[in-house]
Amino acid sequence: EKVIIFPQGFYSVRHIDVTARRNVWMWAEGYVVVKGINSATKNFIFGSTNYNPANPAASTQTPECFLGGPGTWEFNANPGTAYQYGLRIEHFTSSHFENVSAGFGYVPVTDPNGVNGSITAAYMQYTYSNLFINCGFSCPAAPPVGGKSFGLYMDGNNVNSNTFIRCNWQGVPCAMVYKPVVVYWFG
């Protein structure tokens, strides 16, 4: 179990990867801006991965995480930096996201293992039983030629039983895509 407290301010990071970590609490005290400064090893600023394409069920889960606090989180990237995702919420279970926003302009990259040719503020896959409160996801910059840009992309692989309360995502010309996923909307 880890509790990481962020006093109000701006933080420059390459990425925050909580893959296979249990009970990680990231607590914002005030307005916390996490700026991606480019990463050759990860295509996201905050998130989890460890996807096993040969056996998805064998992929490692990241359970019982908390990203919130009395403050507000903003995830974006420095100009000219290359990320595909602001948040990569993959293999999260029984976690809580509160007062979180992602969405920014940046240089797009194409990840052949991800949503092909797209850039995405928040991407969800193999993620279930999570709670999102007061979260907002807006479309990033224009995607590569032939690609797409999403505020929230929910892949059809075990994205279910997630609850969104007072959340929003940017609409046209961007989109939220799910295939097929049940989204419960409250408030």
Protein backbone atom coordinates (compact mmCIF):
# COMPACT_ATOMS: atom_id res chain seq x y z
CA GLU A 1 0.00 0.00 0.00
CA LYS A 2 1.32 3.40 -1.01
CA VAL A 3 -0.03 6.90 -0.42
CA ILE A 4 1.55 9.60 -2.58
CA ILE A 5 0.57 13.16 -1.67
CA PHE A 6 0.87 15.88 -4.32
CA PRO A 7 0.79 19.43 -2.96
CA GLN A 8 -0.75 21.97 -5.32
CA GLY A 9 1.49 22.71 -8.27
CA PHE A 10 2.90 21.57 -11.60
CA TYR A 11 4.77 18.27 -11.96
CA SER A 12 6.80 17.26 -15.01
CA VAL A 13 6.93 13.49 -15.54
CA ARG A 14 7.70 11.06 -18.34
CA HIS A 15 4.97 8.67 -17.15
CA ILE A 16 3.37 7.27 -14.02
CA ASP A 17 2.93 3.51 -14.41
CA VAL A 18 1.02 1.71 -11.65
CA THR A 19 0.82 -1.64 -13.45
CA ALA A 20 0.19 -4.53 -11.03
CA ARG A 21 0.30 -2.23 -8.00
CA ARG A 22 -2.38 -2.74 -5.36
CA ASN A 23 -3.80 0.01 -3.17
CA VAL A 24 -1.88 2.95 -4.61
CA TRP A 25 -3.40 6.24 -3.47
CA MET A 26 -2.46 9.42 -5.31
CA TRP A 27 -3.83 12.33 -3.31
CA ALA A 28 -4.13 15.87 -4.74
CA GLU A 29 -3.98 18.73 -2.27
CA GLY A 30 -5.25 21.59 -4.40
CA TYR A 31 -4.91 21.97 -8.15
CA VAL A 32 -2.33 19.47 -9.42
CA VAL A 33 -1.15 19.56 -13.03
CA VAL A 34 0.86 16.59 -14.29
CA LYS A 35 2.73 17.52 -17.48
CA GLY A 36 4.07 14.79 -19.73
CA ILE A 37 7.59 15.62 -20.91
CA ASN A 38 7.91 12.85 -23.52
CA SER A 39 8.69 9.20 -23.05
CA ALA A 40 10.28 6.70 -25.40
CA THR A 41 9.13 3.79 -23.24
CA LYS A 42 5.45 4.51 -22.51
CA ASN A 43 2.66 5.87 -24.67
CA PHE A 44 0.70 7.29 -21.71
CA ILE A 45 1.18 9.86 -18.96
CA PHE A 46 -0.71 7.99 -16.22
CA GLY A 47 -1.94 4.43 -16.30
CA SER A 48 -1.46 0.73 -16.35
CA THR A 49 -0.79 -1.85 -19.01
CA ASN A 50 0.79 -5.33 -19.03
CA TYR A 51 -1.50 -6.68 -21.68
CA ASN A 52 -0.80 -10.29 -22.67
CA PRO A 53 -2.10 -10.59 -26.27
CA ALA A 54 -1.65 -14.37 -26.32
CA ASN A 55 -3.76 -14.81 -23.19
CA PRO A 56 -5.64 -11.64 -22.13
CA ALA A 57 -7.05 -13.34 -19.03
CA ALA A 58 -3.48 -13.85 -17.78
CA SER A 59 -2.71 -10.13 -17.86
CA THR A 60 -1.89 -8.60 -14.49
CA GLN A 61 -4.62 -6.55 -12.79
CA THR A 62 -4.12 -3.22 -11.00
CA PRO A 63 -6.72 -3.31 -8.21
CA GLU A 64 -7.97 -0.89 -5.58
CA CYS A 65 -6.20 2.27 -6.72
CA PHE A 66 -7.34 5.79 -5.87
CA LEU A 67 -6.67 8.94 -7.89
CA GLY A 68 -8.38 11.87 -6.21
CA GLY A 69 -8.30 13.86 -3.00
CA PRO A 70 -9.82 17.17 -2.04
CA GLY A 71 -8.03 18.76 -5.01
CA THR A 72 -8.23 18.39 -8.78
CA TRP A 73 -6.01 16.48 -11.22
CA GLU A 74 -5.16 17.65 -14.72
CA PHE A 75 -3.12 15.49 -17.09
CA ASN A 76 -1.67 17.05 -20.22
CA ALA A 77 1.56 17.13 -22.19
CA ASN A 78 4.18 19.73 -22.90
CA PRO A 79 3.96 21.11 -26.45
CA GLY A 80 5.74 18.96 -28.99
CA THR A 81 5.75 15.82 -26.87
CA ALA A 82 4.47 12.50 -28.24
CA TYR A 83 1.94 10.43 -26.32
CA GLN A 84 -0.96 8.36 -27.56
CA TYR A 85 -2.93 8.45 -24.30
CA GLY A 86 -3.28 10.91 -21.46
CA LEU A 87 -4.69 8.14 -19.26
CA ARG A 88 -4.35 4.46 -20.10
CA ILE A 89 -6.81 2.78 -17.76
CA GLU A 90 -6.08 -0.81 -18.61
CA HIS A 91 -6.59 -3.76 -16.23
CA PHE A 92 -7.85 -1.50 -13.42
CA THR A 93 -10.38 -3.11 -11.08
CA SER A 94 -12.23 -1.80 -8.03
CA SER A 95 -10.52 1.58 -8.33
CA HIS A 96 -11.69 5.15 -7.78
CA PHE A 97 -11.02 8.20 -9.96
CA GLU A 98 -12.27 11.57 -8.72
CA ASN A 99 -11.83 15.15 -9.98
CA VAL A 100 -9.61 14.03 -12.87
CA SER A 101 -9.35 15.65 -16.28
CA ALA A 102 -7.31 14.72 -19.35
CA GLY A 103 -7.22 16.21 -22.78
CA PHE A 104 -4.64 18.29 -24.51
CA GLY A 105 -2.92 19.06 -27.78
CA TYR A 106 0.26 17.15 -28.54
CA VAL A 107 2.21 15.51 -31.31
CA PRO A 108 0.35 12.26 -32.07
CA VAL A 109 2.04 8.89 -32.23
CA THR A 110 0.69 5.69 -33.74
CA ASP A 111 0.73 2.61 -31.54
CA PRO A 112 0.16 -0.55 -33.64
CA ASN A 113 -0.83 -2.41 -30.45
CA GLY A 114 -3.34 0.20 -29.39
CA VAL A 115 -6.26 1.93 -31.04
CA ASN A 116 -4.77 2.03 -34.50
CA GLY A 117 -3.70 5.48 -35.64
CA SER A 118 -5.56 7.36 -32.94
CA ILE A 119 -4.84 9.65 -30.03
CA THR A 120 -7.01 9.45 -26.95
CA ALA A 121 -7.47 11.46 -23.74
CA ALA A 122 -8.57 8.36 -21.77
CA TYR A 123 -8.43 4.77 -23.00
CA MET A 124 -10.07 1.86 -21.17
CA GLN A 125 -9.62 -1.86 -21.76
CA TYR A 126 -9.97 -4.92 -19.50
CA THR A 127 -11.25 -2.54 -16.85
CA TYR A 128 -14.25 -3.18 -14.63
CA SER A 129 -15.94 -2.29 -11.34
CA ASN A 130 -14.42 1.18 -11.14
CA LEU A 131 -15.95 4.46 -10.00
CA PHE A 132 -15.46 7.77 -11.86
CA ILE A 133 -16.70 10.96 -10.18
CA ASN A 134 -16.40 14.50 -11.62
CA CYS A 135 -14.08 13.41 -14.42
CA GLY A 136 -13.69 15.05 -17.81
CA PHE A 137 -12.00 13.79 -20.96
CA SER A 138 -11.57 16.05 -23.96
CA CYS A 139 -10.18 15.22 -27.37
CA PRO A 140 -6.49 15.83 -27.89
CA ALA A 141 -4.95 17.30 -31.03
CA ALA A 142 -5.67 16.15 -34.55
CA PRO A 143 -4.69 12.51 -35.13
CA PRO A 144 -2.34 11.16 -37.79
CA VAL A 145 -3.72 11.05 -41.33
CA GLY A 146 -6.34 8.32 -41.44
CA GLY A 147 -6.51 8.11 -37.65
CA LYS A 148 -9.08 9.31 -35.13
CA SER A 149 -9.16 11.40 -31.98
CA PHE A 150 -11.19 10.41 -28.90
CA GLY A 151 -12.07 11.98 -25.56
CA LEU A 152 -12.90 8.59 -24.03
CA TYR A 153 -12.34 5.28 -25.82
CA MET A 154 -13.80 2.19 -24.17
CA ASP A 155 -12.69 -0.99 -25.86
CA GLY A 156 -15.07 -3.96 -25.86
CA ASN A 157 -12.71 -6.20 -23.93
CA ASN A 158 -14.17 -6.57 -20.43
CA VAL A 159 -15.03 -2.92 -19.98
CA ASN A 160 -18.11 -3.32 -17.81
CA SER A 161 -19.66 -2.43 -14.48
CA ASN A 162 -17.93 0.95 -14.43
CA THR A 163 -19.93 3.80 -12.89
CA PHE A 164 -19.68 7.42 -14.09
CA ILE A 165 -21.12 10.15 -11.85
CA ARG A 166 -21.09 13.80 -13.05
CA CYS A 167 -18.55 13.00 -15.79
CA ASN A 168 -18.26 14.44 -19.27
CA TRP A 169 -16.35 13.97 -22.47
CA GLN A 170 -16.04 16.25 -25.46
CA GLY A 171 -18.41 15.59 -28.32
CA VAL A 172 -18.23 16.50 -32.00
CA PRO A 173 -15.85 16.61 -33.76
CA CYS A 174 -14.46 14.06 -31.32
CA ALA A 175 -16.20 11.03 -29.97
CA MET A 176 -16.65 8.51 -27.23
CA VAL A 177 -16.60 5.01 -28.64
CA TYR A 178 -17.66 1.78 -27.05
CA LYS A 179 -18.13 -1.61 -28.69
CA PRO A 180 -20.31 -2.96 -27.11
CA VAL A 181 -20.21 -1.70 -23.52
CA VAL A 182 -22.93 -0.90 -21.02
CA VAL A 183 -22.44 2.61 -19.65
CA TYR A 184 -24.49 3.65 -16.62
CA TRP A 185 -24.89 7.40 -16.29
CA PHE A 186 -25.96 9.15 -13.09
CA GLY A 187 -26.34 12.84 -12.34
